[in-house]
């Protein structure tokens, strides 16, 4: 007896062709649409590895997470804002401002590194509360509020730094983005600890996916056929373990990768398993219906912007630690990278749709494409052109998919 709830068969199908028809229909209408971003990620990696031989080198794969981790952090918060059918254009400026505050505390005044981190996070929370108030309480669209915030906080960053860079941080603050864990379990030619940590993470992912599938079956919801489900797990496992093997041959497990993994797990649970996360999706899907259902729309919107400010503070710490300095021009264009990560990962331009996993894969696609262009030595003028085309195509695909689905319905 099959444990898979398949897509209903087309009228008129019969006999042995029915299972195959159902399988193909599910593959086309669900797997390629829902998991197409994962397949696209794998294709991009293969293409770049063929185009640039250095792409899969241990040092480059290590630098990949060091250079783009802050974009993934921003994408976690941006996804929540986009699902609410809002936007935040100020995060790049907030990254610069919070990094500047941390530099003043640690570099200029010589205080401990953790006070600089705390100051940056508190500043980010204050910025988020400021913008959340205007959006949630006053009712000004997020686009307008954060456009003003982009100018406001960029100016404050410049004033805080007196228009010059402030460096170096050094010590443990610098190690936030540049530290590694290596040698705990030994290993010759590679770090065993790094491989073990990734293996545990892969097993945890597989168990979580299996439990999620079992829960959907329990309530007679549609799930992927078992072969496709297993294939998805295998693809993720192969990519993850290959990455672990390669970076284990370099400097070991980056500290920032552990920080990033914790944030992804926490926000995955918040968006998928809490009333707050369900409220975010309800508001983005239908604001009026959410209000009539008793969802605290203003409160949720306010805290979503507070959260975005907090994550911008985290990104400010990570970026300034990576650069070992705070710069007035830091964060320029980061908001576009975060927005692009969400849209490429499947978030809807009209709100109500988007997944943490999709946003992370979208961010990784932007990261590997940027990295590949740098390895190829493409000019700074060409790189944003290609990124802009990718974002435009992602949004166009989202709109096309919505129209196709509405017509089919």
Protein backbone atom coordinates (compact mmCIF):
# COMPACT_ATOMS: atom_id res chain seq x y z
CA UNK A 1 0.00 0.00 0.00
CA UNK A 2 1.52 3.32 -1.03
CA UNK A 3 2.12 5.99 1.58
CA UNK A 4 2.23 8.81 -0.95
CA UNK A 5 -0.67 11.10 -1.70
CA UNK A 6 -0.23 11.86 -5.38
CA UNK A 7 -1.69 14.48 -7.63
CA UNK A 8 -5.14 13.47 -8.91
CA UNK A 9 -5.01 11.72 -12.27
CA UNK A 10 -6.29 13.35 -15.38
CA UNK A 11 -9.73 12.36 -16.52
CA UNK A 12 -9.73 9.57 -19.06
CA UNK A 13 -6.44 7.99 -17.98
CA UNK A 14 -6.58 4.31 -17.25
CA UNK A 15 -4.69 1.11 -16.62
CA UNK A 16 -0.93 1.00 -16.15
CA UNK A 17 -0.53 4.50 -17.50
CA UNK A 18 -2.22 6.02 -14.44
CA UNK A 19 0.70 5.80 -11.97
CA UNK A 20 3.13 7.08 -14.58
CA UNK A 21 0.79 9.94 -15.52
CA UNK A 22 0.38 10.91 -11.87
CA UNK A 23 4.13 10.77 -11.33
CA UNK A 24 4.88 12.95 -14.37
CA UNK A 25 2.12 15.41 -13.45
CA UNK A 26 3.49 15.75 -9.94
CA UNK A 27 7.02 16.13 -11.27
CA UNK A 28 6.08 18.95 -13.62
CA UNK A 29 3.54 20.80 -11.50
CA UNK A 30 5.10 20.47 -8.06
CA UNK A 31 8.71 19.32 -7.95
CA UNK A 32 10.05 21.56 -10.69
CA UNK A 33 8.03 24.50 -9.39
CA UNK A 34 8.77 24.07 -5.68
CA UNK A 35 12.29 22.65 -5.84
CA UNK A 36 13.41 24.11 -9.14
CA UNK A 37 15.58 26.60 -7.25
CA UNK A 38 17.56 23.72 -5.74
CA UNK A 39 18.10 22.20 -9.17
CA UNK A 40 19.08 25.61 -10.52
CA UNK A 41 21.64 25.94 -7.73
CA UNK A 42 23.22 22.61 -8.64
CA UNK A 43 23.30 23.57 -12.34
CA UNK A 44 24.96 26.91 -11.52
CA UNK A 45 27.62 25.16 -9.43
CA UNK A 46 28.36 22.65 -12.21
CA UNK A 47 28.52 25.40 -14.83
CA UNK A 48 30.87 27.56 -12.74
CA UNK A 49 33.11 24.63 -11.87
CA UNK A 50 33.53 23.93 -15.59
CA UNK A 51 34.00 27.61 -16.46
CA UNK A 52 36.44 28.39 -13.63
CA UNK A 53 38.62 25.56 -12.38
CA UNK A 54 39.47 27.49 -9.21
CA UNK A 55 35.84 27.70 -8.17
CA UNK A 56 35.83 24.36 -6.33
CA UNK A 57 39.23 24.86 -4.71
CA UNK A 58 39.23 24.56 -0.89
CA UNK A 59 40.39 28.15 -0.42
CA UNK A 60 37.73 29.61 -2.72
CA UNK A 61 34.89 27.60 -1.18
CA UNK A 62 36.04 28.79 2.25
CA UNK A 63 36.14 32.41 1.09
CA UNK A 64 32.67 32.01 -0.39
CA UNK A 65 31.01 31.75 3.01
CA UNK A 66 33.30 34.38 4.55
CA UNK A 67 32.49 36.93 1.86
CA UNK A 68 28.72 36.47 1.56
CA UNK A 69 27.50 35.32 4.98
CA UNK A 70 26.20 38.79 5.83
CA UNK A 71 23.96 38.76 2.72
CA UNK A 72 22.36 35.50 3.90
CA UNK A 73 21.80 37.01 7.35
CA UNK A 74 20.07 40.00 5.77
CA UNK A 75 18.00 37.70 3.54
CA UNK A 76 16.52 36.01 6.64
CA UNK A 77 15.00 39.28 7.77
CA UNK A 78 14.21 40.54 4.28
CA UNK A 79 12.18 37.42 3.55
CA UNK A 80 9.92 38.19 6.50
CA UNK A 81 9.45 41.77 5.28
CA UNK A 82 8.71 40.66 1.71
CA UNK A 83 6.23 38.01 2.85
CA UNK A 84 4.43 40.86 4.65
CA UNK A 85 4.19 42.56 1.21
CA UNK A 86 6.61 45.26 2.39
CA UNK A 87 10.21 46.11 1.48
CA UNK A 88 13.26 47.46 3.33
CA UNK A 89 15.67 49.58 1.30
CA UNK A 90 17.68 50.80 4.28
CA UNK A 91 19.53 47.66 5.41
CA UNK A 92 22.77 48.52 3.61
CA UNK A 93 22.91 51.88 5.38
CA UNK A 94 22.03 50.26 8.70
CA UNK A 95 24.91 47.79 8.21
CA UNK A 96 27.27 50.77 7.83
CA UNK A 97 25.75 52.60 10.82
CA UNK A 98 25.86 49.65 13.22
CA UNK A 99 29.39 48.76 12.14
CA UNK A 100 30.39 52.37 12.78
CA UNK A 101 28.91 52.27 16.29
CA UNK A 102 30.82 49.07 17.04
CA UNK A 103 34.04 50.65 15.78
CA UNK A 104 33.59 53.70 17.98
CA UNK A 105 33.13 51.48 21.04
CA UNK A 106 35.91 48.98 20.33
CA UNK A 107 38.51 50.87 18.30
CA UNK A 108 38.13 54.51 19.34
CA UNK A 109 37.35 53.94 23.03
CA UNK A 110 39.20 50.63 23.50
CA UNK A 111 36.30 48.80 25.14
CA UNK A 112 35.89 44.98 25.08
CA UNK A 113 34.78 43.40 21.80
CA UNK A 114 31.50 42.12 23.22
CA UNK A 115 30.42 45.65 24.18
CA UNK A 116 30.94 46.67 20.57
CA UNK A 117 28.77 43.78 19.41
CA UNK A 118 26.10 44.68 21.96
CA UNK A 119 26.16 48.34 20.92
CA UNK A 120 25.74 47.41 17.27
CA UNK A 121 22.82 45.06 17.99
CA UNK A 122 21.07 47.60 20.24
CA UNK A 123 21.50 50.23 17.55
CA UNK A 124 19.99 47.87 15.00
CA UNK A 125 17.02 47.18 17.27
CA UNK A 126 16.47 50.92 17.76
CA UNK A 127 16.58 51.49 14.00
CA UNK A 128 14.09 48.68 13.44
CA UNK A 129 11.75 50.08 16.10
CA UNK A 130 11.96 53.55 14.51
CA UNK A 131 11.02 52.27 11.07
CA UNK A 132 8.49 49.78 12.41
CA UNK A 133 6.67 52.59 14.19
CA UNK A 134 6.19 54.60 11.01
CA UNK A 135 5.10 51.57 9.00
CA UNK A 136 2.94 49.68 11.52
CA UNK A 137 1.50 52.48 13.65
CA UNK A 138 1.41 55.53 11.38
CA UNK A 139 0.71 53.50 8.25
CA UNK A 140 3.35 54.85 5.89
CA UNK A 141 4.37 52.23 3.27
CA UNK A 142 7.63 50.48 4.06
CA UNK A 143 9.10 51.50 0.72
CA UNK A 144 8.86 55.21 1.64
CA UNK A 145 9.97 54.81 5.27
CA UNK A 146 13.02 52.72 4.43
CA UNK A 147 13.93 54.89 1.46
CA UNK A 148 14.17 57.75 3.92
CA UNK A 149 16.01 55.47 6.31
CA UNK A 150 18.53 54.66 3.59
CA UNK A 151 19.52 58.33 3.47
CA UNK A 152 19.18 58.93 7.20
CA UNK A 153 21.34 56.07 8.44
CA UNK A 154 23.95 56.47 5.71
CA UNK A 155 24.39 60.04 6.89
CA UNK A 156 24.58 58.93 10.53
CA UNK A 157 27.23 56.35 9.62
CA UNK A 158 29.33 59.05 7.97
CA UNK A 159 28.92 61.42 10.90
CA UNK A 160 29.76 58.69 13.41
CA UNK A 161 33.02 57.90 11.60
CA UNK A 162 33.81 61.53 10.72
CA UNK A 163 33.82 60.46 7.06
CA UNK A 164 36.90 58.21 7.45
CA UNK A 165 37.41 54.49 8.04
CA UNK A 166 38.10 53.31 11.58
CA UNK A 167 40.35 50.28 12.13
CA UNK A 168 41.61 47.79 13.16
CA UNK A 169 39.33 45.77 15.43
CA UNK A 170 41.62 42.78 15.88
CA UNK A 171 41.27 40.15 18.58
CA UNK A 172 38.03 38.25 19.12
CA UNK A 173 35.93 40.79 17.24
CA UNK A 174 37.99 40.11 14.12
CA UNK A 175 37.62 36.37 14.76
CA UNK A 176 33.82 36.55 14.44
CA UNK A 177 34.13 36.54 10.65
CA UNK A 178 37.68 35.27 10.25
CA UNK A 179 38.03 32.57 12.90
CA UNK A 180 38.16 28.80 12.32
CA UNK A 181 37.73 25.63 14.33
CA UNK A 182 40.19 22.95 13.30
CA UNK A 183 41.95 19.93 14.70
CA UNK A 184 39.52 18.88 17.44
CA UNK A 185 39.23 15.34 16.04
CA UNK A 186 42.55 15.28 14.19
CA UNK A 187 42.86 14.21 10.57
CA UNK A 188 45.63 13.96 7.99
CA UNK A 189 45.14 16.19 4.97
CA UNK A 190 41.65 17.19 6.11
CA UNK A 191 39.85 18.25 9.28
CA UNK A 192 37.70 15.42 10.68
CA UNK A 193 35.70 17.76 12.92
CA UNK A 194 34.42 19.76 9.93
CA UNK A 195 33.26 16.62 8.11
CA UNK A 196 31.59 15.23 11.24
CA UNK A 197 29.68 18.46 11.90
CA UNK A 198 28.36 18.53 8.34
CA UNK A 199 27.43 14.84 8.51
CA UNK A 200 25.42 15.45 11.68
CA UNK A 201 23.72 18.43 10.02
CA UNK A 202 22.81 16.33 6.95
CA UNK A 203 21.33 13.58 9.14
CA UNK A 204 19.36 16.19 11.08
CA UNK A 205 18.05 17.66 7.83
CA UNK A 206 17.00 14.23 6.54
CA UNK A 207 15.20 13.38 9.80
CA UNK A 208 13.41 16.74 9.84
CA UNK A 209 12.27 16.31 6.24
CA UNK A 210 11.07 12.78 6.91
CA UNK A 211 9.08 13.90 9.97
CA UNK A 212 7.57 16.75 7.99
CA UNK A 213 6.57 14.32 5.24
CA UNK A 214 5.05 11.92 7.76
CA UNK A 215 3.05 14.75 9.34
CA UNK A 216 1.66 15.81 5.96
CA UNK A 217 0.69 12.22 5.19
CA UNK A 218 -1.05 11.94 8.55
CA UNK A 219 -3.34 14.80 7.60
CA UNK A 220 -3.74 13.46 4.04
CA UNK A 221 -1.87 16.35 2.45
CA UNK A 222 -0.02 16.10 -0.82
CA UNK A 223 3.63 15.01 -0.64
CA UNK A 224 6.29 14.14 -3.16
CA UNK A 225 6.53 10.53 -4.38
CA UNK A 226 9.07 8.64 -2.28
CA UNK A 227 11.74 8.38 -5.06
CA UNK A 228 11.67 12.13 -5.62
CA UNK A 229 11.73 12.79 -1.88
CA UNK A 230 14.81 10.60 -1.49
CA UNK A 231 16.43 12.23 -4.52
CA UNK A 232 16.05 15.67 -2.94
CA UNK A 233 17.69 14.45 0.29
CA UNK A 234 20.52 12.87 -1.70
CA UNK A 235 21.19 16.06 -3.69
CA UNK A 236 21.36 18.15 -0.53
CA UNK A 237 23.58 15.58 1.19
CA UNK A 238 26.00 15.30 -1.75
CA UNK A 239 26.36 19.08 -2.12
CA UNK A 240 26.79 19.60 1.65
CA UNK A 241 29.29 16.79 2.17
CA UNK A 242 31.31 17.77 -0.89
CA UNK A 243 31.52 21.32 0.46
CA UNK A 244 32.53 19.98 3.89
CA UNK A 245 35.24 17.80 2.38
CA UNK A 246 36.72 20.66 0.40
CA UNK A 247 36.80 23.26 3.18
CA UNK A 248 38.16 20.64 5.59
CA UNK A 249 41.24 20.59 3.38
CA UNK A 250 41.76 24.31 3.92
CA UNK A 251 41.42 26.05 7.30
CA UNK A 252 38.67 23.97 8.83
CA UNK A 253 35.19 25.01 9.94
CA UNK A 254 34.56 28.78 9.78
CA UNK A 255 33.08 30.24 12.95
CA UNK A 256 30.76 32.40 10.88
CA UNK A 257 29.30 29.28 9.28
CA UNK A 258 28.22 28.02 12.71
CA UNK A 259 26.64 31.41 13.50
CA UNK A 260 24.84 31.38 10.16
CA UNK A 261 23.55 27.82 10.68
CA UNK A 262 22.10 28.76 14.08
CA UNK A 263 20.28 31.75 12.60
CA UNK A 264 18.87 29.66 9.75
CA UNK A 265 17.54 27.00 12.13
CA UNK A 266 16.00 29.56 14.48
CA UNK A 267 14.30 31.55 11.73
CA UNK A 268 13.16 28.40 9.99
CA UNK A 269 11.33 27.41 13.18
CA UNK A 270 9.95 30.93 13.71
CA UNK A 271 8.51 31.16 10.21
CA UNK A 272 7.27 27.59 10.02
CA UNK A 273 6.17 26.60 13.51
CA UNK A 274 5.11 29.67 15.47
CA UNK A 275 1.97 31.79 15.55
CA UNK A 276 4.12 34.81 14.71
CA UNK A 277 5.33 33.16 11.51
CA UNK A 278 1.81 32.09 10.55
CA UNK A 279 0.65 35.65 11.20
CA UNK A 280 3.31 37.01 8.83
CA UNK A 281 2.08 34.71 6.04
CA UNK A 282 -1.56 35.57 6.81
CA UNK A 283 -0.93 39.31 6.60
CA UNK A 284 0.96 39.02 3.34
CA UNK A 285 -1.60 36.69 1.85
CA UNK A 286 -4.67 38.77 2.70
CA UNK A 287 -4.42 41.71 5.10
CA UNK A 288 -8.17 42.18 5.52
CA UNK A 289 -8.80 38.51 6.18
CA UNK A 290 -5.96 38.47 8.72
CA UNK A 291 -7.47 41.45 10.54
CA UNK A 292 -10.92 39.84 10.60
CA UNK A 293 -9.34 36.63 11.92
CA UNK A 294 -7.91 38.43 14.92
CA UNK A 295 -4.28 38.55 13.78
CA UNK A 296 -2.45 41.45 15.42
CA UNK A 297 -1.35 42.93 12.14
CA UNK A 298 0.23 46.11 13.47
CA UNK A 299 2.13 44.31 16.20
CA UNK A 300 3.49 41.66 13.85
CA UNK A 301 4.50 44.25 11.25
CA UNK A 302 6.24 46.33 13.91
CA UNK A 303 8.26 43.40 15.22
CA UNK A 304 9.13 42.24 11.71
CA UNK A 305 10.87 45.59 11.13
CA UNK A 306 12.49 45.44 14.56
CA UNK A 307 13.80 42.02 13.61
CA UNK A 308 15.11 43.39 10.31
CA UNK A 309 16.99 46.10 12.19
CA UNK A 310 18.45 43.49 14.56
CA UNK A 311 19.68 41.32 11.67
CA UNK A 312 21.12 44.40 9.96
CA UNK A 313 23.05 44.97 13.19
CA UNK A 314 24.28 41.37 13.08
CA UNK A 315 25.32 41.85 9.45
CA UNK A 316 27.05 45.11 10.43
CA UNK A 317 29.13 43.24 13.00
CA UNK A 318 29.94 40.43 10.57
CA UNK A 319 30.90 42.78 7.74
CA UNK A 320 33.03 45.09 9.86
CA UNK A 321 34.76 42.08 11.43
CA UNK A 322 35.41 40.64 7.97
CA UNK A 323 36.90 43.93 6.74
CA UNK A 324 38.58 44.57 10.12
CA UNK A 325 37.33 48.14 9.85
CA UNK A 326 34.20 50.28 9.78
CA UNK A 327 33.73 52.28 6.60
CA UNK A 328 31.31 55.12 5.76
CA UNK A 329 30.53 53.46 2.41
CA UNK A 330 30.01 49.97 3.84
CA UNK A 331 26.87 48.10 2.87
CA UNK A 332 26.24 49.83 -0.45
CA UNK A 333 24.03 47.53 -2.54
CA UNK A 334 23.53 44.94 0.20
CA UNK A 335 19.79 45.60 0.31
CA UNK A 336 19.56 44.68 -3.37
CA UNK A 337 21.48 41.45 -2.82
CA UNK A 338 19.16 40.50 0.06
CA UNK A 339 16.04 41.35 -1.94
CA UNK A 340 17.34 39.45 -4.95
CA UNK A 341 18.07 36.39 -2.77
CA UNK A 342 14.45 36.32 -1.60
CA UNK A 343 12.91 36.75 -5.04
CA UNK A 344 15.24 34.25 -6.70
CA UNK A 345 14.39 31.86 -3.86
CA UNK A 346 10.69 31.99 -4.70
CA UNK A 347 9.29 34.86 -2.62
CA UNK A 348 6.31 36.60 -4.18
CA UNK A 349 6.27 40.25 -5.15
CA UNK A 350 2.73 40.51 -3.76
CA UNK A 351 3.49 38.94 -0.38
CA UNK A 352 2.29 35.82 1.40
CA UNK A 353 4.75 33.43 -0.26
CA UNK A 354 8.37 32.63 0.54
CA UNK A 355 10.50 30.09 2.40
CA UNK A 356 13.66 30.42 4.47
CA UNK A 357 15.28 27.57 2.54
CA UNK A 358 14.44 29.18 -0.77
CA UNK A 359 15.87 32.53 0.31
CA UNK A 360 19.09 30.86 1.47
CA UNK A 361 19.50 29.01 -1.83
CA UNK A 362 18.69 32.22 -3.70
CA UNK A 363 21.39 34.00 -1.68
CA UNK A 364 23.85 31.22 -2.42
CA UNK A 365 23.09 31.47 -6.13
CA UNK A 366 23.84 35.20 -6.03
CA UNK A 367 27.01 34.47 -4.03
CA UNK A 368 28.40 31.81 -6.35
CA UNK A 369 27.59 33.88 -9.44
CA UNK A 370 29.35 36.92 -7.94
CA UNK A 371 32.27 34.75 -6.94
CA UNK A 372 32.48 33.20 -10.40
CA UNK A 373 32.47 36.63 -12.05
CA UNK A 374 35.28 37.76 -9.75
CA UNK A 375 37.34 34.66 -10.56
CA UNK A 376 36.79 35.36 -14.26
CA UNK A 377 38.01 38.92 -13.79
CA UNK A 378 34.84 40.56 -15.10
CA UNK A 379 34.75 44.32 -14.66
CA UNK A 380 32.84 46.00 -11.84
CA UNK A 381 30.50 47.43 -14.46
CA UNK A 382 29.49 44.06 -15.90
CA UNK A 383 28.81 42.33 -12.58
CA UNK A 384 25.81 44.47 -11.49
CA UNK A 385 24.39 44.19 -15.01
CA UNK A 386 24.33 40.41 -14.74
CA UNK A 387 22.86 40.55 -11.21
CA UNK A 388 20.17 42.93 -12.41
CA UNK A 389 19.23 40.62 -15.26
CA UNK A 390 19.00 37.66 -12.89
CA UNK A 391 16.71 39.58 -10.52
CA UNK A 392 14.50 40.76 -13.38
CA UNK A 393 14.15 37.23 -14.76
CA UNK A 394 13.34 35.86 -11.29
CA UNK A 395 10.54 38.38 -10.76
CA UNK A 396 9.26 37.83 -14.32
CA UNK A 397 9.14 34.09 -13.67
CA UNK A 398 7.21 34.69 -10.45
CA UNK A 399 4.58 36.76 -12.27
CA UNK A 400 4.36 34.27 -15.15
CA UNK A 401 3.92 31.39 -12.73
CA UNK A 402 1.11 33.22 -10.90
CA UNK A 403 -0.75 33.93 -14.12
CA UNK A 404 -0.33 30.34 -15.29
CA UNK A 405 -1.62 29.00 -11.97
CA UNK A 406 -4.62 31.35 -11.95
CA UNK A 407 -5.54 30.37 -15.52
CA UNK A 408 -5.25 26.67 -14.67
CA UNK A 409 -7.49 27.17 -11.65
